[in-house]
Amino acid sequence: MKYGILDYYKKPKRIEWVPEKYWKIGFEYFIRLTVDAAVLDKNKICLVKRKEEPFKGSWHLPGGFVRKGENLIEAVKRKAKEEIGLEVEVKNPVGIYELYDPRGHLVTIVWKCCPKAGKLKENARYFGKDNLPKNIEFQHEKLIEDIYECS
């Protein structure tokens, strides 16, 4: 799979925060773009335990929504740092997936990553392929299968 950042005609101003009413309207009317980081170390994958709804208490790949004005690589690095506490080297995309979660219609791009620096947060853990937790949400068990298939 190829990936490249094309030049912007005019790079949009980066948005850091969206008022709640617009956030909800976005889910009601548009497909939302997310990224997920497949952080692999010694053939173990890093998952994070979710702190909020939907699926509070379940495990998932670190990831989240891409902000306006942020390229995909920046978004993967930001979400890895925020959710698991690690700086990562983003390698290549694993795949593009369309899904529905309780908030709405999403498209996510999963990126293979290697840990570079930082300390793993207490709600994040590495799991072996045969030792994954049972409560994985956001349909990430399918993504994890594909990640190991591509390794």
C-alpha atoms as a PDB file:
ATOM      1  CA  MET A   1       0.000   0.000   0.000  1.00  0.00           C
ATOM      2  CA  LYS A   2       1.422   3.386  -0.970  1.00  0.00           C
ATOM      3  CA  TYR A   3       1.151   6.505   1.145  1.00  0.00           C
ATOM      4  CA  GLY A   4       2.245  10.045   0.454  1.00  0.00           C
ATOM      5  CA  ILE A   5       1.521  13.546   1.629  1.00  0.00           C
ATOM      6  CA  LEU A   6       0.627  15.746  -1.311  1.00  0.00           C
ATOM      7  CA  ASP A   7       1.281  19.472  -1.233  1.00  0.00           C
ATOM      8  CA  TYR A   8      -1.551  21.584   0.045  1.00  0.00           C
ATOM      9  CA  TYR A   9      -2.915  24.271  -2.223  1.00  0.00           C
ATOM     10  CA  LYS A  10      -3.596  26.087   1.000  1.00  0.00           C
ATOM     11  CA  LYS A  11      -2.954  24.191   4.227  1.00  0.00           C
ATOM     12  CA  PRO A  12      -5.998  24.482   6.485  1.00  0.00           C
ATOM     13  CA  LYS A  13      -5.657  25.982   9.932  1.00  0.00           C
ATOM     14  CA  ARG A  14      -5.270  23.205  12.478  1.00  0.00           C
ATOM     15  CA  ILE A  15      -8.247  22.765  14.771  1.00  0.00           C
ATOM     16  CA  GLU A  16      -7.524  21.585  18.326  1.00  0.00           C
ATOM     17  CA  TRP A  17     -11.052  21.666  19.746  1.00  0.00           C
ATOM     18  CA  VAL A  18     -14.580  21.441  18.395  1.00  0.00           C
ATOM     19  CA  PRO A  19     -17.651  22.625  20.348  1.00  0.00           C
ATOM     20  CA  GLU A  20     -19.854  19.701  21.447  1.00  0.00           C
ATOM     21  CA  LYS A  21     -22.842  20.687  19.260  1.00  0.00           C
ATOM     22  CA  TYR A  22     -20.673  20.611  16.105  1.00  0.00           C
ATOM     23  CA  TRP A  23     -18.995  17.361  17.186  1.00  0.00           C
ATOM     24  CA  LYS A  24     -22.392  15.654  17.389  1.00  0.00           C
ATOM     25  CA  ILE A  25     -23.583  17.145  14.085  1.00  0.00           C
ATOM     26  CA  GLY A  26     -20.434  15.760  12.440  1.00  0.00           C
ATOM     27  CA  PHE A  27     -21.363  12.232  13.507  1.00  0.00           C
ATOM     28  CA  GLU A  28     -24.935  12.672  12.384  1.00  0.00           C
ATOM     29  CA  TYR A  29     -24.106  13.824   8.842  1.00  0.00           C
ATOM     30  CA  PHE A  30     -20.559  12.787   7.910  1.00  0.00           C
ATOM     31  CA  ILE A  31     -18.166   9.861   7.923  1.00  0.00           C
ATOM     32  CA  ARG A  32     -15.350  10.520  10.422  1.00  0.00           C
ATOM     33  CA  LEU A  33     -11.662   9.739   9.760  1.00  0.00           C
ATOM     34  CA  THR A  34      -9.580   8.021  12.428  1.00  0.00           C
ATOM     35  CA  VAL A  35      -6.126   6.465  12.701  1.00  0.00           C
ATOM     36  CA  ASP A  36      -4.963   3.518  14.789  1.00  0.00           C
ATOM     37  CA  ALA A  37      -1.389   2.688  15.821  1.00  0.00           C
ATOM     38  CA  ALA A  38      -0.284  -0.934  15.667  1.00  0.00           C
ATOM     39  CA  VAL A  39       2.683  -0.554  18.024  1.00  0.00           C
ATOM     40  CA  LEU A  40       4.680  -3.785  17.862  1.00  0.00           C
ATOM     41  CA  ASP A  41       7.653  -4.675  20.069  1.00  0.00           C
ATOM     42  CA  LYS A  42       9.179  -8.167  19.961  1.00  0.00           C
ATOM     43  CA  ASN A  43       6.055  -9.413  18.150  1.00  0.00           C
ATOM     44  CA  LYS A  44       3.782  -8.165  20.952  1.00  0.00           C
ATOM     45  CA  ILE A  45       1.122  -5.555  20.258  1.00  0.00           C
ATOM     46  CA  CYS A  46       0.311  -2.619  22.513  1.00  0.00           C
ATOM     47  CA  LEU A  47      -3.311  -2.158  23.523  1.00  0.00           C
ATOM     48  CA  VAL A  48      -4.881   0.451  25.763  1.00  0.00           C
ATOM     49  CA  LYS A  49      -7.764   0.076  28.208  1.00  0.00           C
ATOM     50  CA  ARG A  50     -10.474   2.613  27.385  1.00  0.00           C
ATOM     51  CA  LYS A  51     -11.223   5.197  30.088  1.00  0.00           C
ATOM     52  CA  GLU A  52     -14.475   6.569  28.636  1.00  0.00           C
ATOM     53  CA  GLU A  53     -17.574   5.549  26.741  1.00  0.00           C
ATOM     54  CA  PRO A  54     -18.214   4.002  24.360  1.00  0.00           C
ATOM     55  CA  PHE A  55     -16.805   0.672  25.535  1.00  0.00           C
ATOM     56  CA  LYS A  56     -15.293   1.964  28.793  1.00  0.00           C
ATOM     57  CA  GLY A  57     -13.004  -0.689  30.318  1.00  0.00           C
ATOM     58  CA  SER A  58     -12.398  -2.569  27.054  1.00  0.00           C
ATOM     59  CA  TRP A  59      -9.102  -2.895  25.194  1.00  0.00           C
ATOM     60  CA  HIS A  60      -8.301  -1.389  21.797  1.00  0.00           C
ATOM     61  CA  LEU A  61      -5.480  -0.166  19.589  1.00  0.00           C
ATOM     62  CA  PRO A  62      -4.335   3.352  20.457  1.00  0.00           C
ATOM     63  CA  GLY A  63      -5.937   5.761  18.042  1.00  0.00           C
ATOM     64  CA  GLY A  64      -8.539   8.370  17.406  1.00  0.00           C
ATOM     65  CA  PHE A  65      -9.818  11.168  15.249  1.00  0.00           C
ATOM     66  CA  VAL A  66      -7.679  13.110  12.783  1.00  0.00           C
ATOM     67  CA  ARG A  67      -7.920  16.856  13.334  1.00  0.00           C
ATOM     68  CA  LYS A  68      -8.411  19.356  10.541  1.00  0.00           C
ATOM     69  CA  GLY A  69      -4.984  20.560   9.351  1.00  0.00           C
ATOM     70  CA  GLU A  70      -3.177  17.498  10.775  1.00  0.00           C
ATOM     71  CA  ASN A  71      -1.668  14.944   8.417  1.00  0.00           C
ATOM     72  CA  LEU A  72      -2.161  11.239   9.093  1.00  0.00           C
ATOM     73  CA  ILE A  73       1.380  10.591  10.394  1.00  0.00           C
ATOM     74  CA  GLU A  74       1.096  13.492  12.855  1.00  0.00           C
ATOM     75  CA  ALA A  75      -2.248  12.101  14.033  1.00  0.00           C
ATOM     76  CA  VAL A  76      -0.822   8.597  14.638  1.00  0.00           C
ATOM     77  CA  LYS A  77       2.102  10.018  16.623  1.00  0.00           C
ATOM     78  CA  ARG A  78      -0.184  12.285  18.660  1.00  0.00           C
ATOM     79  CA  LYS A  79      -2.647   9.521  19.520  1.00  0.00           C
ATOM     80  CA  ALA A  80       0.126   7.069  20.503  1.00  0.00           C
ATOM     81  CA  LYS A  81       1.683   9.662  22.818  1.00  0.00           C
ATOM     82  CA  GLU A  82      -1.678  10.655  24.337  1.00  0.00           C
ATOM     83  CA  GLU A  83      -3.034   7.162  24.833  1.00  0.00           C
ATOM     84  CA  ILE A  84      -0.045   4.950  25.634  1.00  0.00           C
ATOM     85  CA  GLY A  85       2.683   7.462  26.543  1.00  0.00           C
ATOM     86  CA  LEU A  86       5.133   6.428  23.813  1.00  0.00           C
ATOM     87  CA  GLU A  87       6.753   8.280  20.971  1.00  0.00           C
ATOM     88  CA  VAL A  88       6.557   6.033  17.938  1.00  0.00           C
ATOM     89  CA  GLU A  89       8.163   5.681  14.546  1.00  0.00           C
ATOM     90  CA  VAL A  90       5.380   5.305  12.012  1.00  0.00           C
ATOM     91  CA  LYS A  91       6.341   2.698   9.408  1.00  0.00           C
ATOM     92  CA  ASN A  92       3.604   1.970   6.886  1.00  0.00           C
ATOM     93  CA  PRO A  93      -0.163   1.614   6.605  1.00  0.00           C
ATOM     94  CA  VAL A  94      -1.551  -1.865   7.256  1.00  0.00           C
ATOM     95  CA  GLY A  95      -5.003  -1.202   5.847  1.00  0.00           C
ATOM     96  CA  ILE A  96      -8.070   0.975   5.582  1.00  0.00           C
ATOM     97  CA  TYR A  97     -11.250  -0.128   7.351  1.00  0.00           C
ATOM     98  CA  GLU A  98     -14.817   1.108   7.374  1.00  0.00           C
ATOM     99  CA  LEU A  99     -16.816   0.528  10.544  1.00  0.00           C
ATOM    100  CA  TYR A 100     -19.714   1.695  12.653  1.00  0.00           C
ATOM    101  CA  ASP A 101     -19.444   2.299  16.363  1.00  0.00           C
ATOM    102  CA  PRO A 102     -22.085   3.710  18.730  1.00  0.00           C
ATOM    103  CA  ARG A 103     -21.105   7.265  17.715  1.00  0.00           C
ATOM    104  CA  GLY A 104     -21.425   6.786  13.971  1.00  0.00           C
ATOM    105  CA  HIS A 105     -19.818   5.811  10.659  1.00  0.00           C
ATOM    106  CA  LEU A 106     -15.995   5.775  10.710  1.00  0.00           C
ATOM    107  CA  VAL A 107     -13.111   5.089   8.369  1.00  0.00           C
ATOM    108  CA  THR A 108      -9.836   4.184  10.063  1.00  0.00           C
ATOM    109  CA  ILE A 109      -6.345   3.744   8.685  1.00  0.00           C
ATOM    110  CA  VAL A 110      -4.172   1.358  10.706  1.00  0.00           C
ATOM    111  CA  TRP A 111      -0.437   2.122  10.801  1.00  0.00           C
ATOM    112  CA  LYS A 112       2.397  -0.202  11.764  1.00  0.00           C
ATOM    113  CA  CYS A 113       4.604   1.532  14.357  1.00  0.00           C
ATOM    114  CA  CYS A 114       7.710   0.876  16.449  1.00  0.00           C
ATOM    115  CA  PRO A 115       8.198   2.334  19.929  1.00  0.00           C
ATOM    116  CA  LYS A 116      10.973   4.964  20.119  1.00  0.00           C
ATOM    117  CA  ALA A 117      10.871   6.570  23.556  1.00  0.00           C
ATOM    118  CA  GLY A 118       8.700   7.174  26.579  1.00  0.00           C
ATOM    119  CA  LYS A 119       7.173   5.204  29.391  1.00  0.00           C
ATOM    120  CA  LEU A 120       4.096   3.052  28.891  1.00  0.00           C
ATOM    121  CA  LYS A 121       1.056   4.446  30.704  1.00  0.00           C
ATOM    122  CA  GLU A 122      -0.560   2.245  33.340  1.00  0.00           C
ATOM    123  CA  ASN A 123      -3.685   1.647  31.241  1.00  0.00           C
ATOM    124  CA  ALA A 124      -1.561   0.309  28.313  1.00  0.00           C
ATOM    125  CA  ARG A 125      -0.012  -3.145  27.950  1.00  0.00           C
ATOM    126  CA  TYR A 126       1.751  -5.354  25.422  1.00  0.00           C
ATOM    127  CA  PHE A 127       0.042  -8.619  24.545  1.00  0.00           C
ATOM    128  CA  GLY A 128       1.279 -11.629  22.610  1.00  0.00           C
ATOM    129  CA  LYS A 129      -0.715 -12.834  19.622  1.00  0.00           C
ATOM    130  CA  ASP A 130      -1.945 -15.855  21.611  1.00  0.00           C
ATOM    131  CA  ASN A 131      -2.533 -13.926  24.837  1.00  0.00           C
ATOM    132  CA  LEU A 132      -4.945 -11.168  23.763  1.00  0.00           C
ATOM    133  CA  PRO A 133      -7.608  -9.973  26.203  1.00  0.00           C
ATOM    134  CA  LYS A 134     -11.164 -11.146  25.621  1.00  0.00           C
ATOM    135  CA  ASN A 135     -12.816  -7.704  25.791  1.00  0.00           C
ATOM    136  CA  ILE A 136     -11.421  -6.017  22.669  1.00  0.00           C
ATOM    137  CA  GLU A 137     -13.829  -3.495  21.145  1.00  0.00           C
ATOM    138  CA  PHE A 138     -14.215  -1.278  18.065  1.00  0.00           C
ATOM    139  CA  GLN A 139     -13.857  -4.511  16.045  1.00  0.00           C
ATOM    140  CA  HIS A 140     -10.092  -4.278  16.667  1.00  0.00           C
ATOM    141  CA  GLU A 141      -9.717  -8.056  16.996  1.00  0.00           C
ATOM    142  CA  LYS A 142     -10.096  -8.192  13.190  1.00  0.00           C
ATOM    143  CA  LEU A 143      -7.550  -5.398  12.762  1.00  0.00           C
ATOM    144  CA  ILE A 144      -5.097  -7.226  15.041  1.00  0.00           C
ATOM    145  CA  GLU A 145      -5.443 -10.400  12.935  1.00  0.00           C
ATOM    146  CA  ASP A 146      -4.587  -8.390   9.818  1.00  0.00           C
ATOM    147  CA  ILE A 147      -1.660  -6.674  11.552  1.00  0.00           C
ATOM    148  CA  TYR A 148      -0.085 -10.024  12.423  1.00  0.00           C
ATOM    149  CA  GLU A 149      -0.834 -11.316   8.910  1.00  0.00           C
ATOM    150  CA  CYS A 150       1.104  -8.358   7.450  1.00  0.00           C
ATOM    151  CA  SER A 151       4.063  -8.692   9.869  1.00  0.00           C
END
